[in-house]
Amino acid sequence: MNPVMHLLNNKLNFTVAIVTYNGAIRLTDVFEKLRDQSNTENIAWEVLVVDNNSTDQTKEIIYSWQHNSSFPVSLRYTFEEKQGAGYARKKAIKEAQSDLIGFLDDDNLPMDNWVISAYKFAQKYPKAGAYGSQIHGEYEAEPPVNFERIKAFLAITERGNKPLLYNPKSRFLPPSAGLVVRRQAWLETVPNDCILTGPIKENMLNSEDLEALSYLQQSDWEIWYNPEMEVLHKIPKYRLTKDYLVEHLGWIGLSRYITRTVGRKPIFIPLIVVAYWLNDLKKMIIHIFKYGLILKEDIVAAAERELIIKSFFSPFYFWLK
């Protein structure tokens, strides 16, 4: 359909949804990358920024870009008071004017063909309910030794240069950074009230994106990796320190009771929990045998161990709550 007809029908081909919290110093870089998108002349698209209760100058930065004549498409602002990326993404699903919604965080820099590659992939794979980008790290400091083992937990996704269908049996899923979803697939599968809502000051539980995608993966919709959608993820140096990585993987571990049991019949959950307990215990024994009891210098191994420990205790964490 001609993009002009889409505009007349108030329906666009594509929405870029940027979820931000206190992103004033980061948003300009993202807007510049979106301003310079190539080969988008024949599609109608927009940019929607969801301000997740920011307290800095985020709104003012967005306002200045709304009045920047060099920006090629509509740039809209909406506010989500409930803290948590999960709430912000649901707001984007509600407010977007397209059936295809591509999510970027305010530290994600899309390559200049990201929008058109995202749009074309949806046309080629009509059963793709969601598909993730190839994400490279742009590090402010040198990552720790053996960082490759845990880079996926910082949304670094490099799975080769060919499209890849995520196997539902593996329960492995792409991160929300650089993720494109079909509104229809989301509305058909993801419940309004998910348990995980995203990190907030009082509770840094994350993996809210994996919980939502787990519901979608259990349906007839497919989830893919699209390497032609490339994104740079800016990683500040504090996110490469031992304190941050250990804490970050610990919160991921605590969330695993939810991501491991989402959509499962209640009668089977005790068996699932026991199976994961035994597997986590096995992983812990192997890890201790390989790296020893005390981990002072090996940052990656310390983060891995925290992930295993918190994964084991995740059911207790939620049962007590």
C-alpha atoms as a PDB file:
ATOM      1  CA  MET A   1       0.000   0.000   0.000  1.00  0.00           C
ATOM      2  CA  ASN A   2       1.174   3.507  -0.812  1.00  0.00           C
ATOM      3  CA  PRO A   3       2.529   5.236   2.357  1.00  0.00           C
ATOM      4  CA  VAL A   4       0.261   8.222   1.670  1.00  0.00           C
ATOM      5  CA  MET A   5      -2.765   5.933   1.907  1.00  0.00           C
ATOM      6  CA  HIS A   6      -1.417   4.600   5.193  1.00  0.00           C
ATOM      7  CA  LEU A   7      -1.252   8.126   6.552  1.00  0.00           C
ATOM      8  CA  LEU A   8      -4.787   8.870   5.377  1.00  0.00           C
ATOM      9  CA  ASN A   9      -5.978   5.737   7.170  1.00  0.00           C
ATOM     10  CA  ASN A  10      -4.044   6.745  10.310  1.00  0.00           C
ATOM     11  CA  LYS A  11      -2.074   3.506  10.012  1.00  0.00           C
ATOM     12  CA  LEU A  12       1.681   3.531   9.538  1.00  0.00           C
ATOM     13  CA  ASN A  13       4.053   0.845   8.312  1.00  0.00           C
ATOM     14  CA  PHE A  14       6.389   0.999  11.307  1.00  0.00           C
ATOM     15  CA  THR A  15       6.767   2.568  14.760  1.00  0.00           C
ATOM     16  CA  VAL A  16      10.102   2.996  16.503  1.00  0.00           C
ATOM     17  CA  ALA A  17       9.349   2.995  20.235  1.00  0.00           C
ATOM     18  CA  ILE A  18      12.068   4.358  22.517  1.00  0.00           C
ATOM     19  CA  VAL A  19      11.651   3.541  26.200  1.00  0.00           C
ATOM     20  CA  THR A  20      13.592   5.971  28.370  1.00  0.00           C
ATOM     21  CA  TYR A  21      14.145   6.822  32.013  1.00  0.00           C
ATOM     22  CA  ASN A  22      16.305   9.884  32.677  1.00  0.00           C
ATOM     23  CA  GLY A  23      17.713   9.601  29.172  1.00  0.00           C
ATOM     24  CA  ALA A  24      18.318  13.289  28.472  1.00  0.00           C
ATOM     25  CA  ILE A  25      22.059  12.852  27.898  1.00  0.00           C
ATOM     26  CA  ARG A  26      21.579   9.757  25.714  1.00  0.00           C
ATOM     27  CA  LEU A  27      18.558  10.486  23.519  1.00  0.00           C
ATOM     28  CA  THR A  28      20.252  12.897  21.122  1.00  0.00           C
ATOM     29  CA  ASP A  29      22.557  10.135  19.843  1.00  0.00           C
ATOM     30  CA  VAL A  30      19.549   7.879  19.216  1.00  0.00           C
ATOM     31  CA  PHE A  31      17.596  10.634  17.430  1.00  0.00           C
ATOM     32  CA  GLU A  32      20.569  11.394  15.191  1.00  0.00           C
ATOM     33  CA  LYS A  33      20.755   7.736  14.142  1.00  0.00           C
ATOM     34  CA  LEU A  34      17.033   7.679  13.397  1.00  0.00           C
ATOM     35  CA  ARG A  35      17.238  10.951  11.498  1.00  0.00           C
ATOM     36  CA  ASP A  36      19.827   9.376   9.189  1.00  0.00           C
ATOM     37  CA  GLN A  37      17.912   6.174   8.361  1.00  0.00           C
ATOM     38  CA  SER A  38      18.298   5.213   4.708  1.00  0.00           C
ATOM     39  CA  ASN A  39      15.922   3.801   2.067  1.00  0.00           C
ATOM     40  CA  THR A  40      12.764   4.626   4.023  1.00  0.00           C
ATOM     41  CA  GLU A  41      11.196   6.836   1.356  1.00  0.00           C
ATOM     42  CA  ASN A  42       8.545   4.248   0.466  1.00  0.00           C
ATOM     43  CA  ILE A  43       7.355   3.433   3.971  1.00  0.00           C
ATOM     44  CA  ALA A  44       5.402   5.532   6.450  1.00  0.00           C
ATOM     45  CA  TRP A  45       6.938   5.398   9.921  1.00  0.00           C
ATOM     46  CA  GLU A  46       7.106   7.304  13.177  1.00  0.00           C
ATOM     47  CA  VAL A  47       9.110   7.598  16.373  1.00  0.00           C
ATOM     48  CA  LEU A  48       7.326   7.293  19.725  1.00  0.00           C
ATOM     49  CA  VAL A  49       9.197   8.062  22.952  1.00  0.00           C
ATOM     50  CA  VAL A  50       7.805   6.629  26.175  1.00  0.00           C
ATOM     51  CA  ASP A  51       9.041   8.667  29.137  1.00  0.00           C
ATOM     52  CA  ASN A  52       9.006   6.263  32.091  1.00  0.00           C
ATOM     53  CA  ASN A  53       8.629   8.898  34.815  1.00  0.00           C
ATOM     54  CA  SER A  54      11.933  10.700  34.208  1.00  0.00           C
ATOM     55  CA  THR A  55      13.112  13.420  36.589  1.00  0.00           C
ATOM     56  CA  ASP A  56      15.738  15.019  34.330  1.00  0.00           C
ATOM     57  CA  GLN A  57      15.426  17.072  31.135  1.00  0.00           C
ATOM     58  CA  THR A  58      14.149  14.178  29.022  1.00  0.00           C
ATOM     59  CA  LYS A  59      10.916  15.918  28.029  1.00  0.00           C
ATOM     60  CA  GLU A  60      12.727  19.096  27.005  1.00  0.00           C
ATOM     61  CA  ILE A  61      15.176  17.170  24.801  1.00  0.00           C
ATOM     62  CA  ILE A  62      12.294  15.418  23.051  1.00  0.00           C
ATOM     63  CA  TYR A  63      10.482  18.724  22.593  1.00  0.00           C
ATOM     64  CA  SER A  64      13.546  20.281  20.955  1.00  0.00           C
ATOM     65  CA  TRP A  65      13.750  17.391  18.473  1.00  0.00           C
ATOM     66  CA  GLN A  66      10.037  17.622  17.742  1.00  0.00           C
ATOM     67  CA  HIS A  67      10.761  21.124  16.431  1.00  0.00           C
ATOM     68  CA  ASN A  68      13.925  20.121  14.587  1.00  0.00           C
ATOM     69  CA  SER A  69      13.224  20.509  10.867  1.00  0.00           C
ATOM     70  CA  SER A  70      15.883  17.926   9.988  1.00  0.00           C
ATOM     71  CA  PHE A  71      13.960  15.097  11.661  1.00  0.00           C
ATOM     72  CA  PRO A  72      12.224  13.246   8.814  1.00  0.00           C
ATOM     73  CA  VAL A  73       9.174  11.713  10.538  1.00  0.00           C
ATOM     74  CA  SER A  74       6.656  12.342  13.278  1.00  0.00           C
ATOM     75  CA  LEU A  75       8.224  12.291  16.748  1.00  0.00           C
ATOM     76  CA  ARG A  76       5.641  11.750  19.468  1.00  0.00           C
ATOM     77  CA  TYR A  77       5.935  11.887  23.254  1.00  0.00           C
ATOM     78  CA  THR A  78       3.955   9.919  25.798  1.00  0.00           C
ATOM     79  CA  PHE A  79       4.360   9.529  29.552  1.00  0.00           C
ATOM     80  CA  GLU A  80       4.136   6.359  31.649  1.00  0.00           C
ATOM     81  CA  GLU A  81       4.032   7.058  35.374  1.00  0.00           C
ATOM     82  CA  LYS A  82       4.328   3.431  36.526  1.00  0.00           C
ATOM     83  CA  GLN A  83       8.016   2.729  36.918  1.00  0.00           C
ATOM     84  CA  GLY A  84       9.350  -0.255  35.027  1.00  0.00           C
ATOM     85  CA  ALA A  85      10.254  -0.993  31.419  1.00  0.00           C
ATOM     86  CA  GLY A  86       7.444  -3.544  31.214  1.00  0.00           C
ATOM     87  CA  TYR A  87       4.843  -0.836  31.822  1.00  0.00           C
ATOM     88  CA  ALA A  88       6.552   1.480  29.324  1.00  0.00           C
ATOM     89  CA  ARG A  89       6.547  -1.143  26.571  1.00  0.00           C
ATOM     90  CA  LYS A  90       2.863  -1.846  27.124  1.00  0.00           C
ATOM     91  CA  LYS A  91       2.222   1.880  26.814  1.00  0.00           C
ATOM     92  CA  ALA A  92       4.098   1.834  23.510  1.00  0.00           C
ATOM     93  CA  ILE A  93       1.984  -1.079  22.249  1.00  0.00           C
ATOM     94  CA  LYS A  94      -1.125   0.919  23.107  1.00  0.00           C
ATOM     95  CA  GLU A  95       0.016   4.238  21.617  1.00  0.00           C
ATOM     96  CA  ALA A  96       1.828   3.086  18.460  1.00  0.00           C
ATOM     97  CA  GLN A  97       0.120   3.853  15.164  1.00  0.00           C
ATOM     98  CA  SER A  98       1.589   0.837  13.386  1.00  0.00           C
ATOM     99  CA  ASP A  99       1.126  -2.917  13.631  1.00  0.00           C
ATOM    100  CA  LEU A 100       4.925  -3.269  13.662  1.00  0.00           C
ATOM    101  CA  ILE A 101       6.674  -1.822  16.715  1.00  0.00           C
ATOM    102  CA  GLY A 102      10.453  -1.743  16.993  1.00  0.00           C
ATOM    103  CA  PHE A 103      11.805  -1.166  20.505  1.00  0.00           C
ATOM    104  CA  LEU A 104      14.998   0.719  21.241  1.00  0.00           C
ATOM    105  CA  ASP A 105      16.392   1.646  24.635  1.00  0.00           C
ATOM    106  CA  ASP A 106      17.914   5.086  25.045  1.00  0.00           C
ATOM    107  CA  ASP A 107      21.422   3.576  24.896  1.00  0.00           C
ATOM    108  CA  ASN A 108      20.783   1.715  21.613  1.00  0.00           C
ATOM    109  CA  LEU A 109      22.165   3.181  18.393  1.00  0.00           C
ATOM    110  CA  PRO A 110      20.547   1.616  15.297  1.00  0.00           C
ATOM    111  CA  MET A 111      22.534   1.337  12.085  1.00  0.00           C
ATOM    112  CA  ASP A 112      21.261   3.428   9.181  1.00  0.00           C
ATOM    113  CA  ASN A 113      19.348   0.512   7.608  1.00  0.00           C
ATOM    114  CA  TRP A 114      17.677  -0.651  10.818  1.00  0.00           C
ATOM    115  CA  VAL A 115      14.159   0.615  10.086  1.00  0.00           C
ATOM    116  CA  ILE A 116      13.953  -0.650   6.506  1.00  0.00           C
ATOM    117  CA  SER A 117      15.524  -4.008   7.473  1.00  0.00           C
ATOM    118  CA  ALA A 118      12.969  -4.406  10.255  1.00  0.00           C
ATOM    119  CA  TYR A 119      10.083  -3.590   7.938  1.00  0.00           C
ATOM    120  CA  LYS A 120      11.242  -5.930   5.149  1.00  0.00           C
ATOM    121  CA  PHE A 121      11.772  -8.843   7.545  1.00  0.00           C
ATOM    122  CA  ALA A 122       8.124  -8.684   8.605  1.00  0.00           C
ATOM    123  CA  GLN A 123       7.042  -8.931   4.972  1.00  0.00           C
ATOM    124  CA  LYS A 124       9.317 -11.908   4.318  1.00  0.00           C
ATOM    125  CA  TYR A 125       8.349 -13.794   7.502  1.00  0.00           C
ATOM    126  CA  PRO A 126       4.621 -13.200   8.097  1.00  0.00           C
ATOM    127  CA  LYS A 127       4.508 -15.686  11.003  1.00  0.00           C
ATOM    128  CA  ALA A 128       7.226 -13.807  12.882  1.00  0.00           C
ATOM    129  CA  GLY A 129       5.456 -12.384  15.912  1.00  0.00           C
ATOM    130  CA  ALA A 130       8.731 -10.946  17.205  1.00  0.00           C
ATOM    131  CA  TYR A 131      12.297 -10.741  15.994  1.00  0.00           C
ATOM    132  CA  GLY A 132      15.478  -9.418  17.529  1.00  0.00           C
ATOM    133  CA  SER A 133      18.449  -7.482  16.246  1.00  0.00           C
ATOM    134  CA  GLN A 134      22.119  -8.285  16.009  1.00  0.00           C
ATOM    135  CA  ILE A 135      23.502  -6.238  18.903  1.00  0.00           C
ATOM    136  CA  HIS A 136      27.135  -5.239  19.312  1.00  0.00           C
ATOM    137  CA  GLY A 137      28.664  -3.688  22.398  1.00  0.00           C
ATOM    138  CA  GLU A 138      30.244  -0.235  22.353  1.00  0.00           C
ATOM    139  CA  TYR A 139      32.234  -0.336  25.578  1.00  0.00           C
ATOM    140  CA  GLU A 140      33.385   2.703  27.518  1.00  0.00           C
ATOM    141  CA  ALA A 141      36.046   0.543  29.189  1.00  0.00           C
ATOM    142  CA  GLU A 142      37.736  -2.761  28.434  1.00  0.00           C
ATOM    143  CA  PRO A 143      35.386  -5.661  29.326  1.00  0.00           C
ATOM    144  CA  PRO A 144      36.696  -8.181  31.877  1.00  0.00           C
ATOM    145  CA  VAL A 145      38.509 -11.323  30.791  1.00  0.00           C
ATOM    146  CA  ASN A 146      36.145 -13.983  29.395  1.00  0.00           C
ATOM    147  CA  PHE A 147      33.342 -11.442  29.071  1.00  0.00           C
ATOM    148  CA  GLU A 148      32.087 -13.416  26.040  1.00  0.00           C
ATOM    149  CA  ARG A 149      30.590 -15.949  28.468  1.00  0.00           C
ATOM    150  CA  ILE A 150      28.179 -13.445  29.989  1.00  0.00           C
ATOM    151  CA  LYS A 151      27.783 -10.766  27.301  1.00  0.00           C
ATOM    152  CA  ALA A 152      24.282 -11.997  26.447  1.00  0.00           C
ATOM    153  CA  PHE A 153      23.134 -10.843  29.893  1.00  0.00           C
ATOM    154  CA  LEU A 154      23.939  -7.290  28.811  1.00  0.00           C
ATOM    155  CA  ALA A 155      21.817  -7.726  25.668  1.00  0.00           C
ATOM    156  CA  ILE A 156      24.803  -8.338  23.379  1.00  0.00           C
ATOM    157  CA  THR A 157      23.429 -10.664  20.684  1.00  0.00           C
ATOM    158  CA  GLU A 158      25.772 -11.823  17.954  1.00  0.00           C
ATOM    159  CA  ARG A 159      24.450 -15.034  16.392  1.00  0.00           C
ATOM    160  CA  GLY A 160      25.949 -14.899  12.947  1.00  0.00           C
ATOM    161  CA  ASN A 161      24.831 -13.306   9.712  1.00  0.00           C
ATOM    162  CA  LYS A 162      21.904 -15.539   8.790  1.00  0.00           C
ATOM    163  CA  PRO A 163      18.312 -15.342  10.095  1.00  0.00           C
ATOM    164  CA  LEU A 164      17.725 -17.766  12.957  1.00  0.00           C
ATOM    165  CA  LEU A 165      14.443 -19.168  14.259  1.00  0.00           C
ATOM    166  CA  TYR A 166      14.432 -19.455  18.054  1.00  0.00           C
ATOM    167  CA  ASN A 167      13.503 -23.014  18.990  1.00  0.00           C
ATOM    168  CA  PRO A 168      10.621 -23.011  21.526  1.00  0.00           C
ATOM    169  CA  LYS A 169      12.103 -26.102  23.217  1.00  0.00           C
ATOM    170  CA  SER A 170      15.272 -24.203  24.096  1.00  0.00           C
ATOM    171  CA  ARG A 171      13.311 -21.416  25.824  1.00  0.00           C
ATOM    172  CA  PHE A 172      16.041 -19.038  24.664  1.00  0.00           C
ATOM    173  CA  LEU A 173      14.858 -15.609  23.582  1.00  0.00           C
ATOM    174  CA  PRO A 174      16.146 -12.268  22.270  1.00  0.00           C
ATOM    175  CA  PRO A 175      16.400  -9.204  24.528  1.00  0.00           C
ATOM    176  CA  SER A 176      13.987  -6.280  24.224  1.00  0.00           C
ATOM    177  CA  ALA A 177      16.738  -3.979  22.946  1.00  0.00           C
ATOM    178  CA  GLY A 178      16.318  -3.853  19.177  1.00  0.00           C
ATOM    179  CA  LEU A 179      13.262  -6.104  19.315  1.00  0.00           C
ATOM    180  CA  VAL A 180      10.402  -5.784  16.817  1.00  0.00           C
ATOM    181  CA  VAL A 181       6.948  -7.136  17.689  1.00  0.00           C
ATOM    182  CA  ARG A 182       3.699  -7.389  15.811  1.00  0.00           C
ATOM    183  CA  ARG A 183       0.947  -5.742  17.789  1.00  0.00           C
ATOM    184  CA  GLN A 184      -1.472  -8.553  16.861  1.00  0.00           C
ATOM    185  CA  ALA A 185       0.891 -11.231  18.174  1.00  0.00           C
ATOM    186  CA  TRP A 186       1.500  -9.308  21.407  1.00  0.00           C
ATOM    187  CA  LEU A 187      -2.182  -8.646  22.089  1.00  0.00           C
ATOM    188  CA  GLU A 188      -3.117 -12.256  21.364  1.00  0.00           C
ATOM    189  CA  THR A 189      -0.534 -13.812  23.673  1.00  0.00           C
ATOM    190  CA  VAL A 190       0.871 -11.473  26.344  1.00  0.00           C
ATOM    191  CA  PRO A 191      -1.381 -10.954  29.397  1.00  0.00           C
ATOM    192  CA  ASN A 192      -2.092  -7.459  30.672  1.00  0.00           C
ATOM    193  CA  ASP A 193      -0.650  -8.233  34.097  1.00  0.00           C
ATOM    194  CA  CYS A 194       2.767  -9.854  33.887  1.00  0.00           C
ATOM    195  CA  ILE A 195       4.628 -10.585  37.108  1.00  0.00           C
ATOM    196  CA  LEU A 196       7.961  -9.061  36.092  1.00  0.00           C
ATOM    197  CA  THR A 197       7.743  -5.351  35.292  1.00  0.00           C
ATOM    198  CA  GLY A 198      11.393  -4.330  34.977  1.00  0.00           C
ATOM    199  CA  PRO A 199      14.010  -2.890  37.351  1.00  0.00           C
ATOM    200  CA  ILE A 200      13.026  -0.074  39.687  1.00  0.00           C
ATOM    201  CA  LYS A 201      14.852   1.477  42.624  1.00  0.00           C
ATOM    202  CA  GLU A 202      13.066  -0.676  45.191  1.00  0.00           C
ATOM    203  CA  ASN A 203      13.378  -3.914  43.209  1.00  0.00           C
ATOM    204  CA  MET A 204      15.908  -4.603  40.447  1.00  0.00           C
ATOM    205  CA  LEU A 205      14.212  -7.778  39.181  1.00  0.00           C
ATOM    206  CA  ASN A 206      14.512  -7.827  35.416  1.00  0.00           C
ATOM    207  CA  SER A 207      13.766 -10.285  32.555  1.00  0.00           C
ATOM    208  CA  GLU A 208      10.335  -8.715  32.049  1.00  0.00           C
ATOM    209  CA  ASP A 209      10.957  -8.924  28.299  1.00  0.00           C
ATOM    210  CA  LEU A 210      11.640 -12.656  28.503  1.00  0.00           C
ATOM    211  CA  GLU A 211       8.446 -13.269  30.462  1.00  0.00           C
ATOM    212  CA  ALA A 212       6.380 -11.497  27.803  1.00  0.00           C
ATOM    213  CA  LEU A 213       8.118 -13.247  24.905  1.00  0.00           C
ATOM    214  CA  SER A 214       7.733 -16.626  26.611  1.00  0.00           C
ATOM    215  CA  TYR A 215       3.967 -16.296  26.266  1.00  0.00           C
ATOM    216  CA  LEU A 216       4.327 -15.378  22.601  1.00  0.00           C
ATOM    217  CA  GLN A 217       6.723 -18.267  21.966  1.00  0.00           C
ATOM    218  CA  GLN A 218       4.174 -20.777  23.253  1.00  0.00           C
ATOM    219  CA  SER A 219       1.689 -19.705  20.582  1.00  0.00           C
ATOM    220  CA  ASP A 220       1.639 -20.283  16.828  1.00  0.00           C
ATOM    221  CA  TRP A 221       3.719 -17.144  16.301  1.00  0.00           C
ATOM    222  CA  GLU A 222       7.450 -17.456  15.614  1.00  0.00           C
ATOM    223  CA  ILE A 223      10.378 -15.575  17.155  1.00  0.00           C
ATOM    224  CA  TRP A 224      13.410 -14.857  14.994  1.00  0.00           C
ATOM    225  CA  TYR A 225      16.877 -13.318  14.987  1.00  0.00           C
ATOM    226  CA  ASN A 226      17.393 -10.856  12.114  1.00  0.00           C
ATOM    227  CA  PRO A 227      21.107 -10.070  11.674  1.00  0.00           C
ATOM    228  CA  GLU A 228      20.425  -7.304   9.140  1.00  0.00           C
ATOM    229  CA  MET A 229      18.973  -5.186  11.961  1.00  0.00           C
ATOM    230  CA  GLU A 230      22.184  -4.085  13.664  1.00  0.00           C
ATOM    231  CA  VAL A 231      22.345  -2.048  16.857  1.00  0.00           C
ATOM    232  CA  LEU A 232      25.207  -0.675  18.936  1.00  0.00           C
ATOM    233  CA  HIS A 233      24.569  -0.994  22.659  1.00  0.00           C
ATOM    234  CA  LYS A 234      26.516   1.632  24.600  1.00  0.00           C
ATOM    235  CA  ILE A 235      27.917   0.049  27.778  1.00  0.00           C
ATOM    236  CA  PRO A 236      29.247   2.527  30.370  1.00  0.00           C
ATOM    237  CA  LYS A 237      32.263   1.477  32.379  1.00  0.00           C
ATOM    238  CA  TYR A 238      30.326   0.980  35.634  1.00  0.00           C
ATOM    239  CA  ARG A 239      28.365  -1.844  33.977  1.00  0.00           C
ATOM    240  CA  LEU A 240      31.625  -3.727  33.428  1.00  0.00           C
ATOM    241  CA  THR A 241      32.684  -3.710  37.077  1.00  0.00           C
ATOM    242  CA  LYS A 242      32.519  -6.735  39.345  1.00  0.00           C
ATOM    243  CA  ASP A 243      29.979  -5.141  41.692  1.00  0.00           C
ATOM    244  CA  TYR A 244      27.552  -4.353  38.887  1.00  0.00           C
ATOM    245  CA  LEU A 245      27.891  -7.638  36.991  1.00  0.00           C
ATOM    246  CA  VAL A 246      27.512  -9.798  40.083  1.00  0.00           C
ATOM    247  CA  GLU A 247      24.442  -7.865  41.215  1.00  0.00           C
ATOM    248  CA  HIS A 248      22.956  -7.762  37.690  1.00  0.00           C
ATOM    249  CA  LEU A 249      23.256 -11.507  37.111  1.00  0.00           C
ATOM    250  CA  GLY A 250      21.969 -12.120  40.617  1.00  0.00           C
ATOM    251  CA  TRP A 251      18.712 -10.295  39.844  1.00  0.00           C
ATOM    252  CA  ILE A 252      18.410 -12.218  36.578  1.00  0.00           C
ATOM    253  CA  GLY A 253      18.793 -15.417  38.577  1.00  0.00           C
ATOM    254  CA  LEU A 254      16.090 -14.396  41.051  1.00  0.00           C
ATOM    255  CA  SER A 255      13.673 -13.781  38.178  1.00  0.00           C
ATOM    256  CA  ARG A 256      14.136 -17.260  36.746  1.00  0.00           C
ATOM    257  CA  TYR A 257      11.316 -18.907  38.674  1.00  0.00           C
ATOM    258  CA  ILE A 258       8.965 -16.800  36.568  1.00  0.00           C
ATOM    259  CA  THR A 259      10.724 -17.171  33.221  1.00  0.00           C
ATOM    260  CA  ARG A 260      11.123 -20.925  33.748  1.00  0.00           C
ATOM    261  CA  THR A 261       7.494 -21.580  34.635  1.00  0.00           C
ATOM    262  CA  VAL A 262       5.604 -18.965  32.611  1.00  0.00           C
ATOM    263  CA  GLY A 263       2.642 -20.453  30.798  1.00  0.00           C
ATOM    264  CA  ARG A 264       3.098 -23.888  32.378  1.00  0.00           C
ATOM    265  CA  LYS A 265       0.166 -25.726  33.919  1.00  0.00           C
ATOM    266  CA  PRO A 266       0.213 -25.341  37.732  1.00  0.00           C
ATOM    267  CA  ILE A 267       0.148 -29.105  38.244  1.00  0.00           C
ATOM    268  CA  PHE A 268       3.525 -29.428  36.522  1.00  0.00           C
ATOM    269  CA  ILE A 269       5.292 -26.502  38.217  1.00  0.00           C
ATOM    270  CA  PRO A 270       6.581 -28.487  41.263  1.00  0.00           C
ATOM    271  CA  LEU A 271       8.188 -31.015  38.921  1.00  0.00           C
ATOM    272  CA  ILE A 272       9.706 -28.226  36.825  1.00  0.00           C
ATOM    273  CA  VAL A 273      11.107 -26.538  39.938  1.00  0.00           C
ATOM    274  CA  VAL A 274      12.695 -29.774  41.181  1.00  0.00           C
ATOM    275  CA  ALA A 275      14.238 -30.452  37.757  1.00  0.00           C
ATOM    276  CA  TYR A 276      15.762 -26.969  37.664  1.00  0.00           C
ATOM    277  CA  TRP A 277      16.940 -27.284  41.257  1.00  0.00           C
ATOM    278  CA  LEU A 278      18.852 -30.451  40.418  1.00  0.00           C
ATOM    279  CA  ASN A 279      20.314 -28.841  37.325  1.00  0.00           C
ATOM    280  CA  ASP A 280      21.361 -25.695  39.241  1.00  0.00           C
ATOM    281  CA  LEU A 281      22.923 -27.859  41.949  1.00  0.00           C
ATOM    282  CA  LYS A 282      24.882 -29.758  39.300  1.00  0.00           C
ATOM    283  CA  LYS A 283      26.044 -26.476  37.758  1.00  0.00           C
ATOM    284  CA  MET A 284      27.136 -25.209  41.171  1.00  0.00           C
ATOM    285  CA  ILE A 285      29.209 -28.317  41.919  1.00  0.00           C
ATOM    286  CA  ILE A 286      30.901 -28.133  38.519  1.00  0.00           C
ATOM    287  CA  HIS A 287      31.554 -24.403  38.938  1.00  0.00           C
ATOM    288  CA  ILE A 288      33.099 -24.839  42.395  1.00  0.00           C
ATOM    289  CA  PHE A 289      35.236 -27.726  41.133  1.00  0.00           C
ATOM    290  CA  LYS A 290      36.460 -25.565  38.225  1.00  0.00           C
ATOM    291  CA  TYR A 291      36.942 -22.199  39.933  1.00  0.00           C
ATOM    292  CA  GLY A 292      37.134 -22.959  43.652  1.00  0.00           C
ATOM    293  CA  LEU A 293      35.102 -21.614  46.555  1.00  0.00           C
ATOM    294  CA  ILE A 294      36.527 -18.085  46.660  1.00  0.00           C
ATOM    295  CA  LEU A 295      36.320 -15.806  43.628  1.00  0.00           C
ATOM    296  CA  LYS A 296      38.203 -12.540  44.081  1.00  0.00           C
ATOM    297  CA  GLU A 297      39.859 -11.760  40.769  1.00  0.00           C
ATOM    298  CA  ASP A 298      37.716 -13.625  38.227  1.00  0.00           C
ATOM    299  CA  ILE A 299      34.852 -11.185  37.609  1.00  0.00           C
ATOM    300  CA  VAL A 300      33.023 -13.320  35.065  1.00  0.00           C
ATOM    301  CA  ALA A 301      33.180 -16.472  37.177  1.00  0.00           C
ATOM    302  CA  ALA A 302      31.908 -14.539  40.209  1.00  0.00           C
ATOM    303  CA  ALA A 303      28.955 -13.230  38.186  1.00  0.00           C
ATOM    304  CA  GLU A 304      28.204 -16.716  36.846  1.00  0.00           C
ATOM    305  CA  ARG A 305      28.192 -18.165  40.343  1.00  0.00           C
ATOM    306  CA  GLU A 306      25.808 -15.483  41.591  1.00  0.00           C
ATOM    307  CA  LEU A 307      23.501 -16.315  38.688  1.00  0.00           C
ATOM    308  CA  ILE A 308      23.494 -20.011  39.623  1.00  0.00           C
ATOM    309  CA  ILE A 309      22.944 -19.362  43.338  1.00  0.00           C
ATOM    310  CA  LYS A 310      20.111 -16.891  42.813  1.00  0.00           C
ATOM    311  CA  SER A 311      18.512 -19.152  40.180  1.00  0.00           C
ATOM    312  CA  PHE A 312      18.438 -21.953  42.771  1.00  0.00           C
ATOM    313  CA  PHE A 313      16.797 -19.696  45.371  1.00  0.00           C
ATOM    314  CA  SER A 314      14.431 -17.986  42.929  1.00  0.00           C
ATOM    315  CA  PRO A 315      11.360 -20.137  43.812  1.00  0.00           C
ATOM    316  CA  PHE A 316      11.811 -19.361  47.530  1.00  0.00           C
ATOM    317  CA  TYR A 317      12.097 -15.650  46.745  1.00  0.00           C
ATOM    318  CA  PHE A 318       8.711 -15.602  45.027  1.00  0.00           C
ATOM    319  CA  TRP A 319       7.004 -18.018  47.410  1.00  0.00           C
ATOM    320  CA  LEU A 320       7.998 -15.815  50.348  1.00  0.00           C
ATOM    321  CA  LYS A 321       6.638 -12.783  48.529  1.00  0.00           C
END
